[in-house]
Amino acid sequence: MFPFSSLSQRLVLLQQMESHRGDKEAEKTWQMQEADAAHKRNVVLLADIEAAEKKLHSREHLLLHPDIVNLETLYWAKVEEAIPNWEPFFLGKTQAPIGVKTIKLAKQDTSPQKGSVPR
């Protein structure tokens, strides 16, 4: 026969294992929900990109001024050049690349200033 303390230790261990299994199942459920949400976002983003691509292709028949075409070409070249620096940020792995200023909106003070005339 097993001593009582050994039996109670086994019971505690069994409860811990069941709790751990429940935690793992909850984590797996959460991960599946997150993956499903990410997939849905990706489908929407892909549809938006395809719609933008169609819109751009439909504009191709319009003749743009050569200076605008040149600026557009230079712009997209810069964007493509910057993609490797920004990719980790867009994937949520890092902060924005160095040299990018974050914009903080200051709370507007709507109280009247000293010496100002109320309107």
Protein backbone atom coordinates (compact mmCIF):
# COMPACT_ATOMS: atom_id res chain seq x y z
CA MET A 1 0.00 0.00 0.00
CA PHE A 2 1.00 3.58 -0.65
CA PRO A 3 1.34 5.99 2.22
CA PHE A 4 -1.31 8.72 2.35
CA SER A 5 1.18 11.49 1.59
CA SER A 6 2.25 9.74 -1.62
CA LEU A 7 -1.38 9.43 -2.71
CA SER A 8 -2.07 13.09 -2.00
CA GLN A 9 1.10 14.05 -3.91
CA ARG A 10 -0.11 12.04 -6.88
CA LEU A 11 -3.51 13.73 -6.69
CA VAL A 12 -1.84 17.17 -6.64
CA LEU A 13 0.34 16.19 -9.59
CA LEU A 14 -2.69 14.92 -11.51
CA GLN A 15 -4.54 18.20 -10.88
CA GLN A 16 -1.50 20.18 -12.03
CA MET A 17 -1.25 18.11 -15.20
CA GLU A 18 -4.96 18.57 -15.94
CA SER A 19 -4.64 22.30 -15.34
CA HIS A 20 -1.61 22.46 -17.63
CA ARG A 21 -3.47 20.53 -20.34
CA GLY A 22 -6.41 22.94 -20.03
CA ASP A 23 -4.06 25.90 -20.35
CA LYS A 24 -2.47 24.37 -23.46
CA GLU A 25 -5.88 23.72 -25.01
CA ALA A 26 -6.95 27.31 -24.30
CA GLU A 27 -3.70 28.60 -25.82
CA LYS A 28 -4.22 26.43 -28.91
CA THR A 29 -7.79 27.74 -29.27
CA TRP A 30 -6.54 31.32 -28.96
CA GLN A 31 -3.82 30.69 -31.56
CA MET A 32 -6.37 29.21 -33.96
CA GLN A 33 -8.62 32.25 -33.52
CA GLU A 34 -5.66 34.59 -34.10
CA ALA A 35 -4.62 32.65 -37.21
CA ASP A 36 -8.18 32.77 -38.54
CA ALA A 37 -8.39 36.53 -37.91
CA ALA A 38 -5.00 37.05 -39.62
CA HIS A 39 -6.17 34.99 -42.60
CA LYS A 40 -9.33 37.09 -42.90
CA ARG A 41 -7.26 40.31 -42.71
CA ASN A 42 -4.91 38.97 -45.39
CA VAL A 43 -7.83 38.14 -47.68
CA VAL A 44 -9.19 41.68 -47.28
CA LEU A 45 -5.75 43.21 -47.85
CA LEU A 46 -5.21 41.09 -50.95
CA ALA A 47 -8.58 42.16 -52.33
CA ASP A 48 -7.70 45.81 -51.65
CA ILE A 49 -4.33 45.41 -53.38
CA GLU A 50 -5.94 43.73 -56.38
CA ALA A 51 -8.56 46.50 -56.59
CA ALA A 52 -5.82 49.14 -56.43
CA GLU A 53 -3.88 47.29 -59.12
CA LYS A 54 -6.94 47.22 -61.40
CA LYS A 55 -7.47 50.91 -60.78
CA LEU A 56 -3.84 51.65 -61.66
CA HIS A 57 -4.05 49.55 -64.82
CA SER A 58 -7.22 51.34 -65.86
CA ARG A 59 -5.32 54.65 -65.57
CA GLU A 60 -2.58 53.45 -67.89
CA HIS A 61 -4.44 54.70 -70.93
CA LEU A 62 -4.27 58.25 -69.59
CA LEU A 63 -1.25 60.15 -70.83
CA LEU A 64 0.61 61.77 -67.98
CA HIS A 65 3.14 64.55 -68.27
CA PRO A 66 6.68 63.10 -68.50
CA ASP A 67 7.72 64.96 -65.32
CA ILE A 68 4.92 63.26 -63.38
CA VAL A 69 5.90 59.86 -64.78
CA ASN A 70 9.52 60.54 -63.77
CA LEU A 71 8.50 61.58 -60.23
CA GLU A 72 6.28 58.54 -59.91
CA THR A 73 9.10 56.26 -61.03
CA LEU A 74 11.53 57.83 -58.56
CA TYR A 75 8.95 57.59 -55.77
CA TRP A 76 8.33 53.87 -56.28
CA ALA A 77 12.06 53.21 -56.57
CA LYS A 78 12.54 54.86 -53.15
CA VAL A 79 9.65 52.85 -51.71
CA GLU A 80 11.11 49.58 -52.99
CA GLU A 81 14.52 50.58 -51.63
CA ALA A 82 13.03 51.25 -48.18
CA ILE A 83 10.96 48.04 -47.96
CA PRO A 84 13.71 45.90 -46.34
CA ASN A 85 14.09 48.50 -43.56
CA TRP A 86 10.34 48.68 -42.92
CA GLU A 87 9.38 45.02 -43.31
CA PRO A 88 10.19 43.99 -39.69
CA PHE A 89 8.16 46.98 -38.45
CA PHE A 90 5.14 46.03 -40.57
CA LEU A 91 5.40 42.46 -39.30
CA GLY A 92 5.31 43.80 -35.73
CA LYS A 93 8.81 42.57 -34.89
CA THR A 94 10.52 45.94 -34.28
CA GLN A 95 9.87 49.61 -33.84
CA ALA A 96 9.90 52.03 -36.78
CA PRO A 97 13.31 52.38 -38.46
CA ILE A 98 15.76 54.96 -37.13
CA GLY A 99 15.24 58.42 -38.53
CA VAL A 100 11.46 58.22 -38.54
CA LYS A 101 9.88 60.73 -36.22
CA THR A 102 6.79 59.65 -34.36
CA ILE A 103 4.07 62.25 -34.38
CA LYS A 104 2.45 62.98 -31.05
CA LEU A 105 -0.69 65.00 -31.21
CA ALA A 106 -0.78 67.66 -28.53
CA LYS A 107 -4.03 68.13 -26.68
CA GLN A 108 -5.50 71.45 -27.73
CA ASP A 109 -6.01 73.92 -24.92
CA THR A 110 -9.47 75.43 -25.34
CA SER A 111 -9.31 77.55 -22.20
CA PRO A 112 -8.98 81.33 -22.75
CA GLN A 113 -5.44 82.70 -22.47
CA LYS A 114 -4.50 85.55 -20.16
CA GLY A 115 -5.07 88.87 -21.85
CA SER A 116 -7.12 87.36 -24.66
CA VAL A 117 -10.56 88.60 -25.52
CA PRO A 118 -13.33 85.98 -25.38
CA ARG A 119 -15.13 85.53 -28.71
